[in-house]
Amino acid sequence: MPTARRTRFRGVRAVAVFAALTLSAVVSGKAQNDLLENRLAKEELALAKAPSLYFIIYLKSKTIALKSRGMTLEEWKVTSIHSWGQGAPLAALALNKKSTLYPPQRAKIKPAATEEETGTFELEALELKDMPSRFTLFLTGDIRISIRTKPSGFWPRLGDVGHVVAWNLWVPIKNLAFRQKKKPFGAIDLKLEKKEDGQSLYWALPDGIKGLVFPL
């Protein structure tokens, strides 16, 4: 009987310890999330004070938002996320440049030599359909974000296969090289559902725009 009681006591104690550890982990996780959300609110407030547009990439909730003065103007849903290297810092990052295989080219406007030529001039403006749907965002802090969409057709699918191969071979090698040189490196791959989503995102993010890459 004493042995059975000791066994039951040990079992109850083990359950109590497990419950305490679980509760501690939950409380710790909530506290960490609260700290991150407070940090996001502080950083976004600084961006919202300026009259310019800004963006926020929510990694956990898989959403990209274009905002102004704290108000969401447009949102894009992300279907999958992969990353290599260090995480993006919890601070405002500027878009240094966008890189794509076929960048849109704005037609050069030449002044008319005569009044007759002026009357026949037609302005060619870039439209959404001219925008690429696959591109890379280069942010401050050596953060690279690849944007691609669900491929439709033979050539887009072939290009997507090439991207996956490069992502799993070339990017890890580059990450290792940067680590050996003790240089920061972070690569994030975001996949959107539709081609139009990628095109509108490219249109909405001009060079120099600032934003946040948030883990929640």
N, C-alpha and C. Protein backbone atom coordinates (compact mmCIF):
# COMPACT_ATOMS: atom_id res chain seq x y z
N MET A 1 0.82 -1.22 0.00
CA MET A 1 0.00 0.00 0.00
C MET A 1 0.85 1.27 0.00
N PRO A 2 1.88 1.38 0.86
CA PRO A 2 2.72 2.59 0.83
C PRO A 2 3.35 2.81 -0.53
N THR A 3 3.74 1.66 -1.18
CA THR A 3 4.34 1.78 -2.51
C THR A 3 3.34 2.35 -3.50
N ALA A 4 2.09 1.88 -3.46
CA ALA A 4 1.04 2.38 -4.36
C ALA A 4 0.78 3.85 -4.11
N ARG A 5 0.78 4.25 -2.82
CA ARG A 5 0.56 5.67 -2.51
C ARG A 5 1.68 6.54 -3.05
N ARG A 6 2.91 6.04 -2.87
CA ARG A 6 4.05 6.81 -3.40
C ARG A 6 3.97 6.93 -4.92
N THR A 7 3.53 5.85 -5.57
CA THR A 7 3.41 5.88 -7.03
C THR A 7 2.37 6.89 -7.47
N ARG A 8 1.20 6.88 -6.75
CA ARG A 8 0.15 7.84 -7.07
C ARG A 8 0.63 9.27 -6.84
N PHE A 9 1.37 9.47 -5.74
CA PHE A 9 1.88 10.80 -5.41
C PHE A 9 2.83 11.30 -6.49
N ARG A 10 3.71 10.39 -6.92
CA ARG A 10 4.66 10.77 -7.98
C ARG A 10 3.92 11.11 -9.27
N GLY A 11 2.85 10.32 -9.53
CA GLY A 11 2.06 10.60 -10.74
C GLY A 11 1.39 11.96 -10.67
N VAL A 12 0.81 12.27 -9.51
CA VAL A 12 0.16 13.58 -9.33
C VAL A 12 1.18 14.70 -9.42
N ARG A 13 2.35 14.48 -8.82
CA ARG A 13 3.40 15.51 -8.86
C ARG A 13 3.90 15.73 -10.29
N ALA A 14 4.03 14.63 -11.03
CA ALA A 14 4.47 14.77 -12.43
C ALA A 14 3.46 15.55 -13.24
N VAL A 15 2.16 15.28 -13.02
CA VAL A 15 1.11 16.02 -13.73
C VAL A 15 1.14 17.49 -13.35
N ALA A 16 1.35 17.76 -12.05
CA ALA A 16 1.41 19.15 -11.59
C ALA A 16 2.59 19.89 -12.20
N VAL A 17 3.74 19.21 -12.26
CA VAL A 17 4.93 19.83 -12.85
C VAL A 17 4.70 20.11 -14.33
N PHE A 18 4.12 19.12 -15.03
CA PHE A 18 3.84 19.30 -16.47
C PHE A 18 2.87 20.46 -16.69
N ALA A 19 1.83 20.55 -15.86
CA ALA A 19 0.86 21.63 -15.98
C ALA A 19 1.51 22.99 -15.73
N ALA A 20 2.40 23.02 -14.72
CA ALA A 20 3.09 24.28 -14.40
C ALA A 20 3.99 24.72 -15.54
N LEU A 21 4.72 23.75 -16.12
CA LEU A 21 5.61 24.08 -17.24
C LEU A 21 4.80 24.54 -18.46
N THR A 22 3.69 23.87 -18.72
CA THR A 22 2.83 24.26 -19.85
C THR A 22 2.28 25.66 -19.66
N LEU A 23 1.79 25.94 -18.44
CA LEU A 23 1.25 27.26 -18.14
C LEU A 23 2.33 28.32 -18.27
N SER A 24 3.54 27.99 -17.79
CA SER A 24 4.65 28.94 -17.89
C SER A 24 5.00 29.24 -19.34
N ALA A 25 4.98 28.19 -20.19
CA ALA A 25 5.29 28.39 -21.61
C ALA A 25 4.23 29.25 -22.28
N VAL A 26 2.96 29.01 -21.93
CA VAL A 26 1.86 29.80 -22.51
C VAL A 26 1.99 31.26 -22.11
N VAL A 27 2.25 31.48 -20.81
CA VAL A 27 2.39 32.86 -20.31
C VAL A 27 3.59 33.54 -20.96
N SER A 28 4.71 32.80 -21.08
CA SER A 28 5.91 33.36 -21.69
C SER A 28 5.67 33.69 -23.16
N GLY A 29 4.98 32.76 -23.88
CA GLY A 29 4.66 33.02 -25.29
C GLY A 29 3.77 34.23 -25.46
N LYS A 30 2.77 34.36 -24.59
CA LYS A 30 1.87 35.52 -24.67
C LYS A 30 2.62 36.81 -24.38
N ALA A 31 3.51 36.76 -23.39
CA ALA A 31 4.29 37.96 -23.06
C ALA A 31 5.18 38.37 -24.23
N GLN A 32 5.76 37.38 -24.90
CA GLN A 32 6.62 37.68 -26.04
C GLN A 32 5.80 38.27 -27.20
N ASN A 33 4.61 37.70 -27.43
CA ASN A 33 3.73 38.24 -28.48
C ASN A 33 3.32 39.67 -28.16
N ASP A 34 3.04 39.92 -26.88
CA ASP A 34 2.66 41.28 -26.47
C ASP A 34 3.80 42.26 -26.73
N LEU A 35 5.02 41.82 -26.44
CA LEU A 35 6.18 42.68 -26.67
C LEU A 35 6.35 42.97 -28.17
N LEU A 36 6.15 41.95 -29.00
CA LEU A 36 6.28 42.14 -30.44
C LEU A 36 5.19 43.07 -30.98
N GLU A 37 3.96 42.90 -30.49
CA GLU A 37 2.86 43.75 -30.94
C GLU A 37 3.08 45.20 -30.51
N ASN A 38 3.60 45.38 -29.31
CA ASN A 38 3.90 46.74 -28.85
C ASN A 38 5.01 47.37 -29.70
N ARG A 39 6.00 46.56 -30.05
CA ARG A 39 7.08 47.06 -30.90
C ARG A 39 6.54 47.43 -32.28
N LEU A 40 5.65 46.58 -32.83
CA LEU A 40 5.04 46.89 -34.12
C LEU A 40 4.25 48.19 -34.06
N ALA A 41 3.46 48.35 -32.99
CA ALA A 41 2.66 49.56 -32.85
C ALA A 41 3.55 50.80 -32.80
N LYS A 42 4.66 50.69 -32.09
CA LYS A 42 5.59 51.83 -31.97
C LYS A 42 6.22 52.16 -33.32
N GLU A 43 6.68 51.13 -34.04
CA GLU A 43 7.33 51.36 -35.33
C GLU A 43 6.33 51.85 -36.38
N GLU A 44 5.12 51.29 -36.35
CA GLU A 44 4.11 51.74 -37.33
C GLU A 44 3.67 53.17 -37.04
N LEU A 45 3.57 53.53 -35.77
CA LEU A 45 3.19 54.89 -35.42
C LEU A 45 4.17 55.89 -36.01
N ALA A 46 5.46 55.55 -35.97
CA ALA A 46 6.47 56.44 -36.54
C ALA A 46 6.28 56.58 -38.05
N LEU A 47 5.93 55.48 -38.73
CA LEU A 47 5.69 55.54 -40.18
C LEU A 47 4.39 56.28 -40.49
N ALA A 48 3.37 56.07 -39.65
CA ALA A 48 2.06 56.67 -39.90
C ALA A 48 2.07 58.19 -39.73
N LYS A 49 3.03 58.72 -39.01
CA LYS A 49 3.10 60.17 -38.80
C LYS A 49 3.48 60.89 -40.09
N ALA A 50 4.18 60.19 -40.98
CA ALA A 50 4.57 60.80 -42.26
C ALA A 50 3.42 60.70 -43.26
N PRO A 51 3.32 61.64 -44.19
CA PRO A 51 2.23 61.60 -45.16
C PRO A 51 2.39 60.55 -46.25
N SER A 52 3.53 59.89 -46.31
CA SER A 52 3.80 58.94 -47.40
C SER A 52 3.21 57.56 -47.09
N LEU A 53 3.11 56.74 -48.13
CA LEU A 53 2.64 55.37 -47.99
C LEU A 53 3.71 54.51 -47.33
N TYR A 54 3.30 53.41 -46.73
CA TYR A 54 4.22 52.43 -46.18
C TYR A 54 3.58 51.05 -46.27
N PHE A 55 4.39 50.00 -46.09
CA PHE A 55 3.87 48.64 -46.19
C PHE A 55 4.26 47.85 -44.95
N ILE A 56 3.48 46.81 -44.67
CA ILE A 56 3.79 45.88 -43.59
C ILE A 56 3.58 44.47 -44.12
N ILE A 57 4.61 43.62 -43.94
CA ILE A 57 4.50 42.21 -44.31
C ILE A 57 4.34 41.41 -43.02
N TYR A 58 3.15 40.83 -42.83
CA TYR A 58 2.86 40.02 -41.66
C TYR A 58 3.17 38.55 -42.01
N LEU A 59 4.26 38.02 -41.50
CA LEU A 59 4.71 36.69 -41.90
C LEU A 59 3.78 35.59 -41.38
N LYS A 60 3.42 35.63 -40.11
CA LYS A 60 2.60 34.56 -39.54
C LYS A 60 1.20 34.56 -40.11
N SER A 61 0.61 35.72 -40.27
CA SER A 61 -0.75 35.80 -40.81
C SER A 61 -0.77 35.83 -42.34
N LYS A 62 0.42 35.80 -42.97
CA LYS A 62 0.56 35.70 -44.43
C LYS A 62 -0.24 36.79 -45.15
N THR A 63 0.10 38.02 -44.82
CA THR A 63 -0.58 39.17 -45.42
C THR A 63 0.41 40.29 -45.70
N ILE A 64 0.25 40.95 -46.83
CA ILE A 64 1.02 42.15 -47.14
C ILE A 64 0.03 43.30 -47.22
N ALA A 65 0.29 44.36 -46.49
CA ALA A 65 -0.64 45.48 -46.43
C ALA A 65 0.06 46.77 -46.88
N LEU A 66 -0.63 47.53 -47.71
CA LEU A 66 -0.20 48.87 -48.09
C LEU A 66 -1.03 49.85 -47.27
N LYS A 67 -0.35 50.73 -46.53
CA LYS A 67 -1.07 51.56 -45.56
C LYS A 67 -0.67 53.03 -45.69
N SER A 68 -1.51 53.87 -45.13
CA SER A 68 -1.24 55.31 -45.04
C SER A 68 -1.96 55.86 -43.82
N ARG A 69 -1.20 56.54 -42.97
CA ARG A 69 -1.76 57.13 -41.75
C ARG A 69 -2.46 56.08 -40.88
N GLY A 70 -1.98 54.84 -40.90
CA GLY A 70 -2.57 53.78 -40.11
C GLY A 70 -3.75 53.08 -40.77
N MET A 71 -4.17 53.55 -41.92
CA MET A 71 -5.32 52.97 -42.61
C MET A 71 -4.85 52.05 -43.73
N THR A 72 -5.43 50.86 -43.81
CA THR A 72 -5.07 49.89 -44.85
C THR A 72 -5.73 50.27 -46.16
N LEU A 73 -4.91 50.46 -47.19
CA LEU A 73 -5.42 50.82 -48.51
C LEU A 73 -5.60 49.60 -49.41
N GLU A 74 -4.72 48.62 -49.25
CA GLU A 74 -4.77 47.41 -50.08
C GLU A 74 -4.10 46.27 -49.34
N GLU A 75 -4.60 45.06 -49.55
CA GLU A 75 -4.02 43.87 -48.94
C GLU A 75 -3.82 42.78 -49.98
N TRP A 76 -2.75 42.00 -49.79
CA TRP A 76 -2.48 40.85 -50.65
C TRP A 76 -2.26 39.63 -49.75
N LYS A 77 -2.91 38.53 -50.09
CA LYS A 77 -2.77 37.29 -49.33
C LYS A 77 -1.60 36.48 -49.86
N VAL A 78 -0.80 35.95 -48.96
CA VAL A 78 0.36 35.13 -49.30
C VAL A 78 -0.01 33.66 -49.08
N THR A 79 0.27 32.81 -50.07
CA THR A 79 -0.09 31.39 -49.95
C THR A 79 1.02 30.56 -49.31
N SER A 80 2.28 30.96 -49.46
CA SER A 80 3.38 30.21 -48.83
C SER A 80 4.55 31.14 -48.56
N ILE A 81 5.30 30.80 -47.51
CA ILE A 81 6.46 31.60 -47.09
C ILE A 81 7.62 30.67 -46.77
N HIS A 82 8.81 30.99 -47.29
CA HIS A 82 10.03 30.28 -46.93
C HIS A 82 11.12 31.32 -46.68
N SER A 83 12.09 30.97 -45.87
CA SER A 83 13.14 31.94 -45.55
C SER A 83 14.47 31.25 -45.30
N TRP A 84 15.53 32.03 -45.52
CA TRP A 84 16.90 31.61 -45.24
C TRP A 84 17.58 32.77 -44.51
N GLY A 85 18.56 32.42 -43.69
CA GLY A 85 19.36 33.46 -43.07
C GLY A 85 18.70 34.08 -41.86
N GLN A 86 19.13 35.26 -41.52
CA GLN A 86 18.62 35.94 -40.34
C GLN A 86 17.25 36.56 -40.63
N GLY A 87 16.49 36.75 -39.56
CA GLY A 87 15.20 37.40 -39.71
C GLY A 87 15.36 38.90 -39.90
N ALA A 88 14.35 39.51 -40.47
CA ALA A 88 14.37 40.95 -40.69
C ALA A 88 14.31 41.68 -39.34
N PRO A 89 15.05 42.76 -39.18
CA PRO A 89 15.00 43.51 -37.93
C PRO A 89 13.63 44.15 -37.72
N LEU A 90 13.23 44.31 -36.45
CA LEU A 90 11.95 44.92 -36.14
C LEU A 90 12.08 46.44 -36.17
N ALA A 91 12.32 46.95 -37.34
CA ALA A 91 12.48 48.39 -37.55
C ALA A 91 12.11 48.70 -38.99
N ALA A 92 11.88 49.98 -39.25
CA ALA A 92 11.49 50.40 -40.60
C ALA A 92 12.62 50.11 -41.59
N LEU A 93 12.26 49.49 -42.70
CA LEU A 93 13.22 49.16 -43.75
C LEU A 93 12.81 49.89 -45.02
N ALA A 94 13.79 50.41 -45.74
CA ALA A 94 13.51 51.12 -46.99
C ALA A 94 13.72 50.18 -48.17
N LEU A 95 12.89 50.32 -49.19
CA LEU A 95 13.04 49.54 -50.41
C LEU A 95 14.10 50.23 -51.28
N ASN A 96 15.27 49.62 -51.35
CA ASN A 96 16.35 50.20 -52.15
C ASN A 96 16.08 50.08 -53.64
N LYS A 97 15.59 48.91 -54.06
CA LYS A 97 15.30 48.72 -55.47
C LYS A 97 14.46 47.47 -55.67
N LYS A 98 13.83 47.37 -56.83
CA LYS A 98 13.12 46.17 -57.26
C LYS A 98 13.86 45.59 -58.46
N SER A 99 14.02 44.29 -58.47
CA SER A 99 14.73 43.64 -59.56
C SER A 99 13.82 42.61 -60.20
N THR A 100 13.76 42.61 -61.53
CA THR A 100 12.95 41.65 -62.25
C THR A 100 13.61 41.35 -63.59
N LEU A 101 13.30 40.21 -64.15
CA LEU A 101 13.92 39.80 -65.40
C LEU A 101 13.54 40.72 -66.55
N TYR A 102 12.28 41.13 -66.57
CA TYR A 102 11.80 42.02 -67.62
C TYR A 102 11.15 43.26 -67.01
N PRO A 103 11.95 44.26 -66.62
CA PRO A 103 11.38 45.46 -66.00
C PRO A 103 10.55 46.24 -67.00
N PRO A 104 9.47 46.86 -66.55
CA PRO A 104 8.65 47.67 -67.45
C PRO A 104 9.41 48.90 -67.91
N GLN A 105 9.29 49.22 -69.18
CA GLN A 105 9.98 50.36 -69.76
C GLN A 105 9.00 51.46 -70.12
N ARG A 106 9.18 52.61 -69.51
CA ARG A 106 8.33 53.74 -69.83
C ARG A 106 8.82 54.38 -71.13
N ALA A 107 7.91 54.65 -72.04
CA ALA A 107 8.28 55.24 -73.33
C ALA A 107 8.86 56.64 -73.11
N LYS A 108 9.94 56.94 -73.84
CA LYS A 108 10.56 58.25 -73.74
C LYS A 108 9.74 59.27 -74.53
N ILE A 109 9.48 60.40 -73.93
CA ILE A 109 8.69 61.44 -74.56
C ILE A 109 9.63 62.47 -75.18
N LYS A 110 9.55 62.63 -76.48
CA LYS A 110 10.38 63.60 -77.19
C LYS A 110 9.55 64.82 -77.55
N PRO A 111 10.09 66.01 -77.35
CA PRO A 111 9.33 67.22 -77.71
C PRO A 111 9.08 67.29 -79.21
N ALA A 112 7.89 67.76 -79.57
CA ALA A 112 7.53 67.85 -80.99
C ALA A 112 8.30 68.97 -81.67
N ALA A 113 8.70 68.72 -82.91
CA ALA A 113 9.46 69.72 -83.67
C ALA A 113 8.54 70.76 -84.29
N THR A 114 7.32 70.37 -84.61
CA THR A 114 6.36 71.30 -85.24
C THR A 114 5.01 71.20 -84.54
N GLU A 115 4.15 72.17 -84.82
CA GLU A 115 2.80 72.15 -84.25
C GLU A 115 1.99 70.98 -84.78
N GLU A 116 2.26 70.56 -86.03
CA GLU A 116 1.52 69.44 -86.62
C GLU A 116 1.83 68.16 -85.84
N GLU A 117 3.10 67.97 -85.47
CA GLU A 117 3.46 66.78 -84.70
C GLU A 117 2.84 66.81 -83.31
N THR A 118 2.71 68.00 -82.74
CA THR A 118 2.10 68.13 -81.42
C THR A 118 0.66 67.66 -81.44
N GLY A 119 -0.05 67.95 -82.50
CA GLY A 119 -1.46 67.59 -82.60
C GLY A 119 -1.67 66.09 -82.72
N THR A 120 -0.67 65.35 -83.22
CA THR A 120 -0.84 63.91 -83.41
C THR A 120 -0.20 63.09 -82.30
N PHE A 121 0.35 63.75 -81.29
CA PHE A 121 1.04 63.04 -80.22
C PHE A 121 0.04 62.31 -79.31
N GLU A 122 0.34 61.06 -78.96
CA GLU A 122 -0.48 60.29 -78.04
C GLU A 122 0.39 59.82 -76.88
N LEU A 123 -0.08 60.05 -75.68
CA LEU A 123 0.69 59.68 -74.49
C LEU A 123 0.50 58.19 -74.20
N GLU A 124 1.63 57.48 -74.05
CA GLU A 124 1.59 56.07 -73.69
C GLU A 124 1.94 55.93 -72.22
N ALA A 125 0.98 55.51 -71.44
CA ALA A 125 1.20 55.37 -69.99
C ALA A 125 1.29 53.89 -69.62
N LEU A 126 2.09 53.61 -68.62
CA LEU A 126 2.19 52.24 -68.14
C LEU A 126 0.90 51.85 -67.42
N GLU A 127 0.41 50.65 -67.70
CA GLU A 127 -0.78 50.15 -67.05
C GLU A 127 -0.42 48.94 -66.20
N LEU A 128 -1.38 48.49 -65.42
CA LEU A 128 -1.14 47.37 -64.52
C LEU A 128 -0.71 46.12 -65.28
N LYS A 129 -1.26 45.92 -66.47
CA LYS A 129 -0.93 44.72 -67.25
C LYS A 129 0.53 44.72 -67.72
N ASP A 130 1.18 45.88 -67.68
CA ASP A 130 2.59 45.97 -68.07
C ASP A 130 3.53 45.58 -66.93
N MET A 131 3.01 45.45 -65.72
CA MET A 131 3.85 45.19 -64.56
C MET A 131 4.24 43.70 -64.49
N PRO A 132 5.45 43.40 -64.02
CA PRO A 132 5.85 42.00 -63.82
C PRO A 132 5.18 41.41 -62.58
N SER A 133 5.00 40.11 -62.59
CA SER A 133 4.40 39.43 -61.43
C SER A 133 5.44 38.66 -60.62
N ARG A 134 6.69 38.61 -61.10
CA ARG A 134 7.79 37.95 -60.40
C ARG A 134 8.94 38.95 -60.26
N PHE A 135 9.35 39.23 -59.05
CA PHE A 135 10.40 40.21 -58.83
C PHE A 135 10.99 40.04 -57.44
N THR A 136 12.06 40.76 -57.18
CA THR A 136 12.73 40.71 -55.88
C THR A 136 12.82 42.11 -55.29
N LEU A 137 12.49 42.23 -54.03
CA LEU A 137 12.60 43.48 -53.30
C LEU A 137 13.91 43.46 -52.51
N PHE A 138 14.74 44.48 -52.69
CA PHE A 138 15.98 44.61 -51.93
C PHE A 138 15.79 45.70 -50.88
N LEU A 139 15.75 45.27 -49.62
CA LEU A 139 15.52 46.20 -48.51
C LEU A 139 16.83 46.49 -47.78
N THR A 140 16.83 47.58 -47.04
CA THR A 140 17.99 47.89 -46.20
C THR A 140 18.21 46.76 -45.20
N GLY A 141 19.46 46.59 -44.79
CA GLY A 141 19.79 45.49 -43.89
C GLY A 141 20.06 44.20 -44.61
N ASP A 142 20.29 44.30 -45.95
CA ASP A 142 20.55 43.11 -46.76
C ASP A 142 19.45 42.07 -46.66
N ILE A 143 18.22 42.55 -46.72
CA ILE A 143 17.05 41.67 -46.72
C ILE A 143 16.50 41.60 -48.15
N ARG A 144 16.39 40.39 -48.68
CA ARG A 144 15.87 40.19 -50.03
C ARG A 144 14.55 39.45 -49.93
N ILE A 145 13.53 39.96 -50.59
CA ILE A 145 12.22 39.33 -50.58
C ILE A 145 11.81 39.00 -52.01
N SER A 146 11.72 37.71 -52.31
CA SER A 146 11.30 37.27 -53.63
C SER A 146 9.78 37.16 -53.68
N ILE A 147 9.19 37.78 -54.68
CA ILE A 147 7.75 37.74 -54.88
C ILE A 147 7.46 36.94 -56.15
N ARG A 148 6.62 35.95 -56.04
CA ARG A 148 6.19 35.20 -57.22
C ARG A 148 4.73 34.81 -57.06
N THR A 149 4.12 34.41 -58.16
CA THR A 149 2.71 34.05 -58.13
C THR A 149 2.53 32.62 -58.63
N LYS A 150 1.36 32.08 -58.40
CA LYS A 150 1.06 30.73 -58.85
C LYS A 150 1.16 30.67 -60.37
N PRO A 151 2.04 29.80 -60.92
CA PRO A 151 2.26 29.79 -62.36
C PRO A 151 1.08 29.23 -63.13
N SER A 152 0.86 29.77 -64.32
CA SER A 152 -0.19 29.30 -65.21
C SER A 152 0.38 29.21 -66.62
N GLY A 153 0.47 28.00 -67.18
CA GLY A 153 1.07 27.82 -68.50
C GLY A 153 2.43 27.15 -68.39
N PHE A 154 2.94 26.68 -69.52
CA PHE A 154 4.18 25.89 -69.52
C PHE A 154 5.38 26.72 -69.09
N TRP A 155 5.62 27.87 -69.71
CA TRP A 155 6.82 28.66 -69.42
C TRP A 155 6.82 29.21 -68.00
N PRO A 156 5.67 29.73 -67.51
CA PRO A 156 5.67 30.15 -66.10
C PRO A 156 5.95 29.00 -65.14
N ARG A 157 5.42 27.80 -65.44
CA ARG A 157 5.70 26.65 -64.57
C ARG A 157 7.17 26.27 -64.62
N LEU A 158 7.76 26.33 -65.81
CA LEU A 158 9.18 26.03 -65.95
C LEU A 158 10.02 27.03 -65.17
N GLY A 159 9.63 28.31 -65.25
CA GLY A 159 10.33 29.34 -64.49
C GLY A 159 10.19 29.13 -62.99
N ASP A 160 9.03 28.63 -62.56
CA ASP A 160 8.81 28.38 -61.14
C ASP A 160 9.69 27.24 -60.65
N VAL A 161 9.87 26.22 -61.49
CA VAL A 161 10.77 25.11 -61.15
C VAL A 161 12.20 25.62 -60.98
N GLY A 162 12.62 26.49 -61.92
CA GLY A 162 13.96 27.08 -61.82
C GLY A 162 14.12 27.89 -60.54
N HIS A 163 13.08 28.60 -60.16
CA HIS A 163 13.14 29.40 -58.93
C HIS A 163 13.30 28.49 -57.71
N VAL A 164 12.55 27.40 -57.68
CA VAL A 164 12.62 26.48 -56.54
C VAL A 164 14.01 25.85 -56.44
N VAL A 165 14.58 25.48 -57.57
CA VAL A 165 15.93 24.90 -57.58
C VAL A 165 16.95 25.92 -57.06
N ALA A 166 16.87 27.15 -57.57
CA ALA A 166 17.79 28.20 -57.12
C ALA A 166 17.61 28.49 -55.63
N TRP A 167 16.37 28.49 -55.18
CA TRP A 167 16.09 28.80 -53.78
C TRP A 167 16.69 27.76 -52.84
N ASN A 168 16.67 26.49 -53.26
CA ASN A 168 17.15 25.42 -52.40
C ASN A 168 18.63 25.09 -52.61
N LEU A 169 19.26 25.67 -53.62
CA LEU A 169 20.68 25.42 -53.86
C LEU A 169 21.52 26.69 -53.73
N TRP A 170 21.21 27.68 -54.55
CA TRP A 170 22.02 28.89 -54.60
C TRP A 170 21.87 29.75 -53.35
N VAL A 171 20.64 29.94 -52.89
CA VAL A 171 20.41 30.81 -51.73
C VAL A 171 21.09 30.27 -50.47
N PRO A 172 21.02 28.96 -50.16
CA PRO A 172 21.75 28.45 -48.98
C PRO A 172 23.26 28.66 -49.09
N ILE A 173 23.81 28.49 -50.29
CA ILE A 173 25.24 28.72 -50.48
C ILE A 173 25.59 30.18 -50.22
N LYS A 174 24.74 31.08 -50.72
CA LYS A 174 24.95 32.51 -50.50
C LYS A 174 24.84 32.85 -49.02
N ASN A 175 23.89 32.24 -48.36
CA ASN A 175 23.71 32.46 -46.93
C ASN A 175 24.96 32.02 -46.16
N LEU A 176 25.50 30.86 -46.52
CA LEU A 176 26.71 30.36 -45.86
C LEU A 176 27.90 31.28 -46.11
N ALA A 177 28.02 31.77 -47.35
CA ALA A 177 29.11 32.68 -47.68
C ALA A 177 29.04 33.97 -46.87
N PHE A 178 27.83 34.51 -46.72
CA PHE A 178 27.66 35.73 -45.93
C PHE A 178 27.97 35.48 -44.46
N ARG A 179 27.59 34.32 -43.95
CA ARG A 179 27.86 34.00 -42.55
C ARG A 179 29.36 33.90 -42.30
N GLN A 180 30.10 33.31 -43.23
CA GLN A 180 31.55 33.19 -43.07
C GLN A 180 32.21 34.56 -43.10
N LYS A 181 31.64 35.49 -43.87
CA LYS A 181 32.17 36.84 -43.93
C LYS A 181 31.63 37.72 -42.80
N LYS A 182 30.75 37.13 -41.98
CA LYS A 182 30.11 37.83 -40.87
C LYS A 182 29.34 39.06 -41.36
N LYS A 183 28.65 38.87 -42.48
CA LYS A 183 27.81 39.91 -43.04
C LYS A 183 26.34 39.51 -42.91
N PRO A 184 25.45 40.49 -42.71
CA PRO A 184 24.03 40.14 -42.58
C PRO A 184 23.45 39.66 -43.90
N PHE A 185 22.56 38.68 -43.81
CA PHE A 185 21.89 38.17 -45.01
C PHE A 185 20.54 37.58 -44.59
N GLY A 186 19.51 37.97 -45.30
CA GLY A 186 18.19 37.41 -45.04
C GLY A 186 17.43 37.31 -46.35
N ALA A 187 16.86 36.16 -46.63
CA ALA A 187 16.10 35.96 -47.86
C ALA A 187 14.73 35.37 -47.51
N ILE A 188 13.70 35.98 -48.06
CA ILE A 188 12.32 35.53 -47.82
C ILE A 188 11.64 35.31 -49.15
N ASP A 189 10.97 34.20 -49.30
CA ASP A 189 10.26 33.86 -50.53
C ASP A 189 8.76 33.89 -50.25
N LEU A 190 8.04 34.77 -50.94
CA LEU A 190 6.60 34.91 -50.76
C LEU A 190 5.89 34.54 -52.06
N LYS A 191 4.90 33.70 -51.96
CA LYS A 191 4.14 33.28 -53.13
C LYS A 191 2.70 33.78 -53.02
N LEU A 192 2.25 34.50 -54.04
CA LEU A 192 0.89 35.01 -54.08
C LEU A 192 0.03 34.11 -54.96
N GLU A 193 -1.27 34.27 -54.85
CA GLU A 193 -2.19 33.38 -55.55
C GLU A 193 -2.30 33.70 -57.03
N LYS A 194 -2.49 34.96 -57.37
CA LYS A 194 -2.79 35.32 -58.76
C LYS A 194 -1.72 36.23 -59.35
N LYS A 195 -1.58 36.15 -60.65
CA LYS A 195 -0.64 36.99 -61.39
C LYS A 195 -0.94 38.47 -61.15
N GLU A 196 -2.24 38.80 -61.15
CA GLU A 196 -2.64 40.20 -60.94
C GLU A 196 -2.21 40.72 -59.57
N ASP A 197 -2.15 39.83 -58.57
CA ASP A 197 -1.70 40.25 -57.24
C ASP A 197 -0.24 40.69 -57.27
N GLY A 198 0.60 39.91 -57.97
CA GLY A 198 2.00 40.29 -58.08
C GLY A 198 2.17 41.59 -58.85
N GLN A 199 1.41 41.77 -59.91
CA GLN A 199 1.51 42.99 -60.72
C GLN A 199 1.08 44.21 -59.92
N SER A 200 -0.01 44.10 -59.19
CA SER A 200 -0.48 45.25 -58.41
C SER A 200 0.47 45.57 -57.26
N LEU A 201 1.11 44.53 -56.69
CA LEU A 201 2.09 44.78 -55.63
C LEU A 201 3.31 45.50 -56.17
N TYR A 202 3.78 45.08 -57.35
CA TYR A 202 4.92 45.75 -57.98
C TYR A 202 4.58 47.22 -58.24
N TRP A 203 3.39 47.47 -58.71
CA TRP A 203 2.92 48.84 -59.00
C TRP A 203 2.87 49.68 -57.73
N ALA A 204 2.45 49.04 -56.61
CA ALA A 204 2.17 49.79 -55.38
C ALA A 204 3.42 50.12 -54.58
N LEU A 205 4.55 49.47 -54.86
CA LEU A 205 5.75 49.67 -54.05
C LEU A 205 6.84 50.38 -54.85
N PRO A 206 6.87 51.69 -54.80
CA PRO A 206 7.93 52.42 -55.51
C PRO A 206 9.24 52.35 -54.74
N ASP A 207 10.34 52.55 -55.44
CA ASP A 207 11.65 52.59 -54.78
C ASP A 207 11.66 53.69 -53.73
N GLY A 208 12.20 53.37 -52.58
CA GLY A 208 12.29 54.34 -51.49
C GLY A 208 11.20 54.20 -50.45
N ILE A 209 10.11 53.48 -50.76
CA ILE A 209 9.04 53.32 -49.79
C ILE A 209 9.56 52.56 -48.58
N LYS A 210 9.04 52.88 -47.41
CA LYS A 210 9.48 52.22 -46.18
C LYS A 210 8.40 51.26 -45.67
N GLY A 211 8.84 50.28 -44.89
CA GLY A 211 7.89 49.33 -44.36
C GLY A 211 8.48 48.46 -43.27
N LEU A 212 7.68 47.52 -42.81
CA LEU A 212 8.07 46.60 -41.74
C LEU A 212 7.85 45.17 -42.17
N VAL A 213 8.73 44.29 -41.74
CA VAL A 213 8.55 42.85 -41.92
C VAL A 213 8.33 42.28 -40.53
N PHE A 214 7.07 41.91 -40.25
CA PHE A 214 6.67 41.57 -38.89
C PHE A 214 6.46 40.06 -38.74
N PRO A 215 7.02 39.42 -37.69
CA PRO A 215 6.92 37.97 -37.56
C PRO A 215 5.53 37.44 -37.22
N LEU A 216 4.62 38.29 -36.72
CA LEU A 216 3.28 37.83 -36.37
C LEU A 216 2.28 38.12 -37.46
